[in-house]
Amino acid sequence: MSKKKLLVGTLLGLWLLTGVVSAGDSTTLVQSDAAKAAVQAPPPKVDSGDTAWVLMSAALVMLMTPGLAFFYGGLVRRKNMLSILMQCFIALAVISLQWVLIGYSLSFSPGNGFIGGLKWFALKGVGLDPYPAYAATIPHQAFMIFQAMFAVITPALIIGAFAERMKFSAFLIFTVLWATFVYDPLAHMVWGVGGWLRDLGTLDFAGGTVVHINAGIAALVTAIVIGKRKGYCKNPTPPHNLPFSVIGAALLWFGWFGFNAGSALAANGLAVNAFVVTNTATAAAALSWALLDWIFNGNPTILGTISGAVAGLVAITPAAGYVGIGGAIAIGLMVSVFCFIAVGFIKHKFGYDDSLDAFGVHGVGGMWGALATGLFATKLINPAGADGLFFGNPKQFLIQLAAVAFTAVYTFIATLIIYKVVDVFVGVRVVDEEEAMGLDLTQHNERAYTMLE
């Protein structure tokens, strides 16, 4: 059986599992009626308040990438600090260009169920009037630039898995290919008009599948295939600057309000709910991890607390527009348990070197968040969403489970192929001597610190 036939068969099976196929004809009629009504309706008007909020949210999400750089940079050894900053910062530059040229079009322009087309290549046709299929009260370009910041930070998250051992040239090529062939198709499937996971009924308010499961699985793949750092498990590699990591975590928490509340795409009550539950889940997760550290390791640590905060931010992301305070607290408390086990036990059990626990926090946290959305979602919060299992709709949990499974499989296979291709042409890993000297000097000829202790 060919890979294409296998993929089609798998997707058909998922549709049958959730009962969506039976609703296909009526959905088509509704879409047809809606399209006719849209033609007859007056053109939408730009709302200045909504536009201001979305632009501010885009700026907040942009700040998350430098925040991630400090969070990750403080956790590596001092000889690799600048390499982390450089990788995060260059991702902002490279993906911003990729996005306006082809990324946005592949993700959101009309296409098929799996990927958009090139109708909006170089933002052709993406103007200053609203595009109601995505956001009816803000300019189309405002929606585009907000989504651009999601596209930037997602491949940057993967850096935590291969920190301290990837060539900069390989990183550049890998990042562009991964964004084009992994992030963009998955964004279209989940958020794009006509995307099959969207039509399946998947709930992902701000990126549980598209961003966090996607990046987390890619992190696991790269950590496995690139191999362990030299001396891993033999020589301790404690964080070289925890205050930097705390600053980075604080910037992530701050920027995440744009990430989640901005995904309402309007300055309205849904944005307020997303803002409140984001803060609540994050607080619960930070406290939960600190307590787990205290119980199992003897002391509450700042590293554990900020790790818990990030895990909470990850887990609430897909649910922020669908759950209330009770669901947010449950999501935050439990995500630290799952991620604590992944980071403290599973990683060591299987022996892979996920340097900064990108899979343990983003992959595992994203999976829990996506599944928890299928448990705690309620139409009382968002009538345009769906009720979850705990509100009488077990089907939604099955849909979320199918979306998690598909995302994991697709990202695993695609990331592995991209990695192998890059390795063949330029080689991915630095040589032993360069790794020992550190990437700051060998890749960038710079030092983060010039004073000797």
Protein backbone atom coordinates (compact mmCIF):
# COMPACT_ATOMS: atom_id res chain seq x y z
CA MET A 1 0.00 0.00 0.00
CA SER A 2 1.39 3.43 -0.96
CA LYS A 3 1.93 6.14 1.64
CA LYS A 4 -0.74 8.25 -0.05
CA LYS A 5 -3.34 5.48 0.17
CA LEU A 6 -2.35 4.78 3.77
CA LEU A 7 -2.76 8.44 4.68
CA VAL A 8 -6.15 8.68 2.97
CA GLY A 9 -7.30 5.52 4.70
CA THR A 10 -6.18 6.79 8.08
CA LEU A 11 -8.00 10.10 7.64
CA LEU A 12 -11.15 8.34 6.48
CA GLY A 13 -11.00 6.12 9.55
CA LEU A 14 -10.77 9.12 11.82
CA TRP A 15 -13.74 10.76 10.14
CA LEU A 16 -15.81 7.60 10.54
CA LEU A 17 -14.75 7.30 14.18
CA THR A 18 -16.12 10.71 15.06
CA GLY A 19 -19.20 10.55 12.88
CA VAL A 20 -18.34 13.64 10.92
CA VAL A 21 -18.84 12.07 7.50
CA SER A 22 -22.54 11.69 8.15
CA ALA A 23 -22.86 15.46 8.60
CA GLY A 24 -20.89 16.33 5.47
CA ASP A 25 -23.81 17.02 3.11
CA SER A 26 -25.64 19.31 5.52
CA THR A 27 -22.42 21.15 6.29
CA THR A 28 -21.86 21.79 2.60
CA LEU A 29 -25.39 23.22 2.28
CA VAL A 30 -24.87 25.48 5.26
CA GLN A 31 -21.57 26.71 3.85
CA SER A 32 -23.24 27.30 0.49
CA ASP A 33 -26.07 29.33 2.09
CA ALA A 34 -23.56 31.27 4.15
CA ALA A 35 -21.53 32.04 1.03
CA LYS A 36 -24.64 33.39 -0.74
CA ALA A 37 -25.50 35.52 2.28
CA ALA A 38 -21.97 36.87 2.41
CA VAL A 39 -22.25 38.02 -1.21
CA GLN A 40 -25.48 39.87 -0.47
CA ALA A 41 -24.30 41.35 2.85
CA PRO A 42 -22.64 44.79 2.99
CA PRO A 43 -18.83 44.76 3.20
CA PRO A 44 -17.52 44.42 6.76
CA LYS A 45 -16.12 47.45 8.51
CA VAL A 46 -12.86 47.70 10.39
CA ASP A 47 -13.30 48.12 14.14
CA SER A 48 -10.54 50.33 15.57
CA GLY A 49 -10.68 48.74 19.04
CA ASP A 50 -10.42 45.20 17.71
CA THR A 51 -7.62 46.21 15.38
CA ALA A 52 -5.66 47.92 18.14
CA TRP A 53 -6.00 44.86 20.37
CA VAL A 54 -4.88 42.41 17.68
CA LEU A 55 -1.88 44.57 16.73
CA MET A 56 -0.92 44.85 20.40
CA SER A 57 -1.32 41.09 20.76
CA ALA A 58 0.93 40.53 17.74
CA ALA A 59 3.58 42.67 19.44
CA LEU A 60 3.18 40.68 22.67
CA VAL A 61 3.62 37.39 20.81
CA MET A 62 6.67 38.79 19.02
CA LEU A 63 8.21 39.53 22.44
CA MET A 64 7.83 35.87 23.36
CA THR A 65 10.63 34.83 20.98
CA PRO A 66 13.29 37.02 22.67
CA GLY A 67 11.75 35.85 25.96
CA LEU A 68 12.26 32.26 24.87
CA ALA A 69 15.86 33.13 23.97
CA PHE A 70 16.55 34.27 27.54
CA PHE A 71 14.64 31.34 29.02
CA TYR A 72 16.62 28.81 26.99
CA GLY A 73 19.87 30.81 27.09
CA GLY A 74 20.05 30.82 30.85
CA LEU A 75 19.65 27.04 30.95
CA VAL A 76 22.59 26.15 28.69
CA ARG A 77 26.29 26.36 29.51
CA ARG A 78 27.86 29.79 29.21
CA LYS A 79 29.83 28.82 26.11
CA ASN A 80 26.56 28.37 24.22
CA MET A 81 24.56 31.35 25.47
CA LEU A 82 24.97 33.50 22.35
CA SER A 83 24.19 30.60 20.03
CA ILE A 84 20.75 30.27 21.64
CA LEU A 85 20.12 34.01 21.37
CA MET A 86 21.24 33.96 17.75
CA GLN A 87 19.08 30.99 16.80
CA CYS A 88 15.96 32.54 18.33
CA PHE A 89 16.62 35.99 16.90
CA ILE A 90 17.43 34.76 13.40
CA ALA A 91 14.26 32.63 13.47
CA LEU A 92 12.31 35.86 13.93
CA ALA A 93 13.99 37.32 10.84
CA VAL A 94 13.91 34.27 8.58
CA ILE A 95 10.37 33.09 9.32
CA SER A 96 9.01 36.63 9.07
CA LEU A 97 10.21 36.67 5.47
CA GLN A 98 9.11 33.11 4.75
CA TRP A 99 5.67 33.94 6.13
CA VAL A 100 4.95 36.98 3.96
CA LEU A 101 6.31 35.25 0.85
CA ILE A 102 4.71 31.81 1.03
CA GLY A 103 3.96 30.76 4.62
CA TYR A 104 0.76 32.72 5.11
CA SER A 105 -0.58 31.66 1.74
CA LEU A 106 0.19 27.99 2.34
CA SER A 107 -1.45 28.20 5.77
CA PHE A 108 -4.58 30.25 5.16
CA SER A 109 -5.32 30.76 1.46
CA PRO A 110 -7.94 28.60 -0.27
CA GLY A 111 -6.61 25.14 -1.01
CA ASN A 112 -7.52 21.59 -0.12
CA GLY A 113 -8.01 19.91 3.24
CA PHE A 114 -4.29 19.62 3.88
CA ILE A 115 -2.61 22.78 2.59
CA GLY A 116 -3.48 26.15 1.11
CA GLY A 117 -2.28 27.36 -2.26
CA LEU A 118 -0.11 30.21 -3.47
CA LYS A 119 -2.98 32.58 -4.22
CA TRP A 120 -1.64 35.00 -1.60
CA PHE A 121 2.03 34.67 -2.57
CA ALA A 122 3.97 37.70 -1.26
CA LEU A 123 0.69 38.91 0.28
CA LYS A 124 -0.93 39.48 -3.10
CA GLY A 125 -4.60 40.07 -2.33
CA VAL A 126 -3.98 40.39 1.41
CA GLY A 127 -5.05 43.96 1.94
CA LEU A 128 -6.37 46.36 4.54
CA ASP A 129 -10.01 45.32 4.36
CA PRO A 130 -11.26 42.50 6.60
CA TYR A 131 -11.34 38.92 5.34
CA PRO A 132 -14.51 37.74 7.11
CA ALA A 133 -13.70 34.03 6.86
CA TYR A 134 -11.01 34.63 9.51
CA ALA A 135 -11.77 37.96 11.19
CA ALA A 136 -14.60 40.29 10.23
CA THR A 137 -13.58 43.43 12.11
CA ILE A 138 -9.84 43.80 11.53
CA PRO A 139 -7.74 44.33 8.37
CA HIS A 140 -6.65 41.15 6.67
CA GLN A 141 -3.01 42.16 7.13
CA ALA A 142 -3.57 42.51 10.88
CA PHE A 143 -4.70 38.89 11.03
CA MET A 144 -1.73 37.91 8.86
CA ILE A 145 0.89 39.59 11.06
CA PHE A 146 -0.67 38.20 14.23
CA GLN A 147 -0.41 34.70 12.78
CA ALA A 148 3.15 35.44 11.66
CA MET A 149 4.31 35.62 15.26
CA PHE A 150 2.93 32.15 15.93
CA ALA A 151 4.83 30.87 12.92
CA VAL A 152 8.03 32.44 14.26
CA ILE A 153 8.02 31.04 17.78
CA THR A 154 6.99 27.49 16.87
CA PRO A 155 10.27 26.38 15.22
CA ALA A 156 12.15 28.38 17.87
CA LEU A 157 10.67 26.11 20.54
CA ILE A 158 12.43 23.12 18.95
CA ILE A 159 15.83 24.70 19.72
CA GLY A 160 15.58 23.41 23.27
CA ALA A 161 15.93 19.82 22.07
CA PHE A 162 19.20 20.14 20.13
CA ALA A 163 20.78 23.03 22.05
CA GLU A 164 24.59 23.09 22.12
CA ARG A 165 25.18 20.78 19.17
CA MET A 166 23.63 21.89 15.84
CA LYS A 167 25.46 23.77 13.10
CA PHE A 168 24.07 27.23 12.46
CA SER A 169 23.88 26.60 8.72
CA ALA A 170 21.92 23.41 9.31
CA PHE A 171 19.63 25.25 11.72
CA LEU A 172 18.75 27.86 9.10
CA ILE A 173 17.90 25.29 6.42
CA PHE A 174 16.05 23.01 8.84
CA THR A 175 13.97 25.90 10.19
CA VAL A 176 12.81 27.11 6.77
CA LEU A 177 12.00 23.60 5.54
CA TRP A 178 10.22 22.68 8.76
CA ALA A 179 8.12 25.84 8.72
CA THR A 180 7.16 25.23 5.08
CA PHE A 181 6.43 21.51 5.17
CA VAL A 182 5.30 20.95 8.76
CA TYR A 183 4.02 24.13 10.39
CA ASP A 184 2.23 25.63 7.38
CA PRO A 185 0.26 22.50 6.40
CA LEU A 186 -0.75 21.81 9.99
CA ALA A 187 -1.84 25.42 10.51
CA HIS A 188 -4.02 25.08 7.42
CA MET A 189 -5.49 21.77 8.58
CA VAL A 190 -6.45 23.14 12.00
CA TRP A 191 -7.24 26.82 11.33
CA GLY A 192 -7.55 27.31 7.58
CA VAL A 193 -10.92 27.42 5.85
CA GLY A 194 -11.45 23.92 4.45
CA GLY A 195 -8.76 22.37 6.66
CA TRP A 196 -9.73 18.79 7.46
CA LEU A 197 -8.98 18.94 11.18
CA ARG A 198 -10.99 22.16 11.40
CA ASP A 199 -13.87 20.52 9.56
CA LEU A 200 -13.50 17.49 11.81
CA GLY A 201 -14.42 19.77 14.71
CA THR A 202 -11.00 20.09 16.38
CA LEU A 203 -10.88 22.81 19.04
CA ASP A 204 -7.55 24.62 19.18
CA PHE A 205 -8.07 28.19 20.29
CA ALA A 206 -4.46 29.40 20.16
CA GLY A 207 -2.14 26.59 19.13
CA GLY A 208 -2.14 23.46 21.29
CA THR A 209 -1.77 21.23 18.25
CA VAL A 210 -0.39 23.69 15.69
CA VAL A 211 2.30 25.12 17.97
CA HIS A 212 3.03 22.98 21.00
CA ILE A 213 2.38 19.36 20.06
CA ASN A 214 3.89 20.15 16.68
CA ALA A 215 7.08 21.66 18.12
CA GLY A 216 7.24 19.12 20.94
CA ILE A 217 7.16 16.09 18.66
CA ALA A 218 9.72 17.73 16.36
CA ALA A 219 11.88 18.30 19.43
CA LEU A 220 11.67 14.63 20.36
CA VAL A 221 12.68 13.57 16.85
CA THR A 222 15.65 15.91 16.64
CA ALA A 223 16.84 15.03 20.14
CA ILE A 224 16.87 11.34 19.24
CA VAL A 225 18.50 11.56 15.83
CA ILE A 226 21.13 14.21 16.62
CA GLY A 227 22.35 12.18 19.59
CA LYS A 228 23.35 13.07 23.11
CA ARG A 229 25.72 15.85 24.08
CA LYS A 230 29.23 14.67 24.81
CA GLY A 231 29.47 13.61 28.44
CA TYR A 232 25.70 13.59 28.88
CA CYS A 233 24.79 11.92 32.21
CA LYS A 234 28.50 11.78 33.12
CA ASN A 235 29.28 15.47 33.53
CA PRO A 236 26.64 17.70 35.14
CA THR A 237 25.40 20.60 33.00
CA PRO A 238 23.55 22.92 35.38
CA PRO A 239 21.98 26.14 34.08
CA HIS A 240 24.64 28.82 33.86
CA ASN A 241 22.35 31.78 34.61
CA LEU A 242 18.98 31.07 36.23
CA PRO A 243 18.12 34.78 36.62
CA PHE A 244 18.18 35.03 32.79
CA SER A 245 15.78 32.10 32.62
CA VAL A 246 13.45 33.72 35.15
CA ILE A 247 13.41 36.91 33.08
CA GLY A 248 12.68 34.82 29.99
CA ALA A 249 9.85 32.97 31.73
CA ALA A 250 8.36 36.28 32.89
CA LEU A 251 8.46 37.63 29.33
CA LEU A 252 6.80 34.44 28.09
CA TRP A 253 4.03 34.75 30.69
CA PHE A 254 3.54 38.41 29.75
CA GLY A 255 3.57 37.79 26.00
CA TRP A 256 1.27 34.79 26.30
CA PHE A 257 -1.66 37.10 27.06
CA GLY A 258 -1.35 38.22 23.44
CA PHE A 259 -0.92 34.63 22.34
CA ASN A 260 -4.17 33.45 23.94
CA ALA A 261 -6.37 36.49 24.51
CA GLY A 262 -5.37 37.91 21.14
CA SER A 263 -6.69 34.76 19.48
CA ALA A 264 -10.21 36.03 20.15
CA LEU A 265 -9.33 38.46 17.31
CA ALA A 266 -11.45 41.13 18.99
CA ALA A 267 -11.51 43.19 22.16
CA ASN A 268 -14.47 41.36 23.64
CA GLY A 269 -15.61 39.09 26.45
CA LEU A 270 -13.99 36.02 24.90
CA ALA A 271 -10.62 37.79 25.00
CA VAL A 272 -11.20 38.60 28.66
CA ASN A 273 -11.99 34.97 29.44
CA ALA A 274 -8.89 33.79 27.59
CA PHE A 275 -6.78 36.33 29.50
CA VAL A 276 -8.15 35.29 32.91
CA VAL A 277 -7.93 31.52 32.41
CA THR A 278 -4.42 31.86 30.97
CA ASN A 279 -3.20 33.58 34.12
CA THR A 280 -5.10 31.17 36.36
CA ALA A 281 -3.83 27.96 34.75
CA THR A 282 -0.27 29.29 34.71
CA ALA A 283 -0.39 30.16 38.40
CA ALA A 284 -1.80 26.73 39.26
CA ALA A 285 0.89 24.97 37.23
CA ALA A 286 3.75 27.00 38.73
CA LEU A 287 2.54 26.21 42.24
CA SER A 288 1.96 22.56 41.38
CA TRP A 289 5.51 22.04 40.05
CA ALA A 290 7.03 23.84 43.03
CA LEU A 291 5.16 21.48 45.35
CA LEU A 292 6.23 18.44 43.34
CA ASP A 293 9.85 19.60 43.58
CA TRP A 294 9.45 20.07 47.30
CA ILE A 295 7.90 16.63 47.82
CA PHE A 296 10.16 14.54 45.57
CA ASN A 297 13.43 16.51 45.49
CA GLY A 298 13.44 18.03 48.94
CA ASN A 299 13.28 21.70 47.95
CA PRO A 300 11.06 24.00 45.93
CA THR A 301 13.23 25.38 43.14
CA ILE A 302 12.95 28.42 40.89
CA LEU A 303 13.82 26.22 37.90
CA GLY A 304 10.88 23.96 38.71
CA THR A 305 8.57 26.89 39.30
CA ILE A 306 9.30 28.59 35.99
CA SER A 307 9.12 25.22 34.21
CA GLY A 308 5.68 24.73 35.72
CA ALA A 309 4.61 28.20 34.63
CA VAL A 310 5.62 27.51 31.03
CA ALA A 311 3.88 24.12 31.14
CA GLY A 312 0.72 25.84 32.37
CA LEU A 313 0.89 28.37 29.56
CA VAL A 314 1.29 25.55 27.06
CA ALA A 315 -1.61 23.50 28.40
CA ILE A 316 -4.16 26.31 28.57
CA THR A 317 -3.37 27.51 25.04
CA PRO A 318 -5.81 25.28 23.10
CA ALA A 319 -8.49 25.63 25.79
CA ALA A 320 -8.32 29.35 26.59
CA GLY A 321 -11.36 30.28 24.53
CA TYR A 322 -13.48 27.33 25.62
CA VAL A 323 -13.05 26.70 29.37
CA GLY A 324 -13.86 28.52 32.58
CA ILE A 325 -11.96 29.02 35.82
CA GLY A 326 -12.59 25.50 37.16
CA GLY A 327 -11.28 23.89 34.00
CA ALA A 328 -8.28 26.23 33.94
CA ILE A 329 -7.26 25.30 37.49
CA ALA A 330 -7.59 21.59 36.74
CA ILE A 331 -5.59 21.94 33.53
CA GLY A 332 -2.83 23.88 35.31
CA LEU A 333 -2.56 21.60 38.31
CA MET A 334 -2.42 18.41 36.25
CA VAL A 335 -0.06 19.57 33.50
CA SER A 336 2.79 19.92 35.98
CA VAL A 337 2.26 16.34 37.11
CA PHE A 338 2.45 15.01 33.55
CA CYS A 339 5.41 17.18 32.56
CA PHE A 340 7.23 16.48 35.83
CA ILE A 341 7.01 12.77 35.08
CA ALA A 342 8.12 13.29 31.46
CA VAL A 343 11.11 15.43 32.44
CA GLY A 344 12.16 13.59 35.58
CA PHE A 345 11.49 9.97 34.69
CA ILE A 346 10.55 9.23 31.08
CA LYS A 347 13.49 11.11 29.55
CA HIS A 348 15.98 9.28 31.74
CA LYS A 349 14.23 5.95 31.26
CA PHE A 350 14.60 6.11 27.47
CA GLY A 351 17.91 7.97 27.50
CA TYR A 352 17.31 10.68 24.88
CA ASP A 353 18.94 14.08 25.40
CA ASP A 354 16.18 16.66 25.11
CA SER A 355 18.54 19.34 26.37
CA LEU A 356 16.01 21.89 27.65
CA ASP A 357 12.96 19.61 27.82
CA ALA A 358 11.16 20.99 24.79
CA PHE A 359 9.28 17.72 24.36
CA GLY A 360 8.76 17.18 28.07
CA VAL A 361 7.10 20.58 28.49
CA HIS A 362 5.69 21.59 25.09
CA GLY A 363 4.94 18.16 23.65
CA VAL A 364 3.49 16.57 26.77
CA GLY A 365 1.89 19.80 27.96
CA GLY A 366 0.37 20.41 24.54
CA MET A 367 -1.10 16.91 24.39
CA TRP A 368 -2.68 17.29 27.82
CA GLY A 369 -4.03 20.72 26.90
CA ALA A 370 -5.58 19.48 23.66
CA LEU A 371 -7.18 16.48 25.37
CA ALA A 372 -8.27 18.57 28.37
CA THR A 373 -10.06 20.89 25.94
CA GLY A 374 -12.14 17.88 24.98
CA LEU A 375 -12.95 17.39 28.66
CA PHE A 376 -13.61 20.90 29.98
CA ALA A 377 -14.84 22.88 26.95
CA THR A 378 -18.28 24.39 27.35
CA LYS A 379 -20.56 26.43 25.13
CA LEU A 380 -21.34 28.56 28.17
CA ILE A 381 -17.95 30.18 27.55
CA ASN A 382 -17.96 30.10 23.76
CA PRO A 383 -21.21 29.29 21.92
CA ALA A 384 -19.20 28.91 18.71
CA GLY A 385 -17.18 26.09 20.27
CA ALA A 386 -18.45 22.79 21.61
CA ASP A 387 -19.18 21.06 24.89
CA GLY A 388 -16.57 18.61 26.14
CA LEU A 389 -16.91 15.22 27.80
CA PHE A 390 -17.64 16.68 31.25
CA PHE A 391 -20.45 18.75 29.73
CA GLY A 392 -22.18 15.85 28.05
CA ASN A 393 -20.33 15.51 24.74
CA PRO A 394 -17.89 12.56 24.69
CA LYS A 395 -17.55 12.90 20.92
CA GLN A 396 -15.47 16.06 21.35
CA PHE A 397 -12.89 14.18 23.38
CA LEU A 398 -12.57 11.61 20.59
CA ILE A 399 -12.11 14.41 18.06
CA GLN A 400 -9.35 15.94 20.18
CA LEU A 401 -7.71 12.54 20.57
CA ALA A 402 -7.78 12.00 16.80
CA ALA A 403 -6.23 15.45 16.23
CA VAL A 404 -3.46 14.76 18.76
CA ALA A 405 -2.69 11.39 17.20
CA PHE A 406 -2.60 12.72 13.65
CA THR A 407 -0.44 15.70 14.60
CA ALA A 408 2.05 13.48 16.41
CA VAL A 409 2.36 11.03 13.52
CA TYR A 410 2.52 13.64 10.77
CA THR A 411 5.07 15.80 12.58
CA PHE A 412 7.24 12.84 13.56
CA ILE A 413 7.51 11.53 10.01
CA ALA A 414 7.89 14.90 8.29
CA THR A 415 10.48 16.15 10.79
CA LEU A 416 12.54 12.98 10.46
CA ILE A 417 12.59 13.30 6.66
CA ILE A 418 13.60 16.97 6.81
CA TYR A 419 16.34 16.28 9.33
CA LYS A 420 17.79 13.46 7.20
CA VAL A 421 17.74 15.61 4.06
CA VAL A 422 19.55 18.47 5.78
CA ASP A 423 22.06 16.06 7.30
CA VAL A 424 22.88 14.59 3.88
CA PHE A 425 23.56 17.96 2.27
CA VAL A 426 25.23 20.04 4.98
CA GLY A 427 25.59 17.84 8.06
CA VAL A 428 23.59 18.76 11.12
CA ARG A 429 25.87 18.24 14.10
CA VAL A 430 29.05 20.14 14.88
CA VAL A 431 32.25 18.12 15.28
CA ASP A 432 33.41 17.09 18.75
CA GLU A 433 36.06 19.82 18.99
CA GLU A 434 33.54 22.54 18.19
CA GLU A 435 31.06 21.15 20.69
CA ALA A 436 33.73 21.11 23.39
CA MET A 437 34.76 24.68 22.63
CA GLY A 438 31.15 25.88 22.48
CA LEU A 439 28.98 27.19 19.67
CA ASP A 440 29.43 30.85 20.60
CA LEU A 441 33.02 30.81 19.39
CA THR A 442 32.89 28.12 16.72
CA GLN A 443 29.68 29.24 15.00
CA HIS A 444 29.65 32.99 15.66
CA ASN A 445 33.16 33.97 16.81
CA GLU A 446 31.73 35.81 19.81
CA ARG A 447 31.59 35.41 23.57
CA ALA A 448 28.66 36.17 25.84
CA TYR A 449 31.02 36.87 28.73
CA THR A 450 34.49 38.36 28.65
CA MET A 451 35.39 38.36 32.37
CA LEU A 452 36.94 35.34 34.04
CA GLU A 453 35.64 34.18 37.39
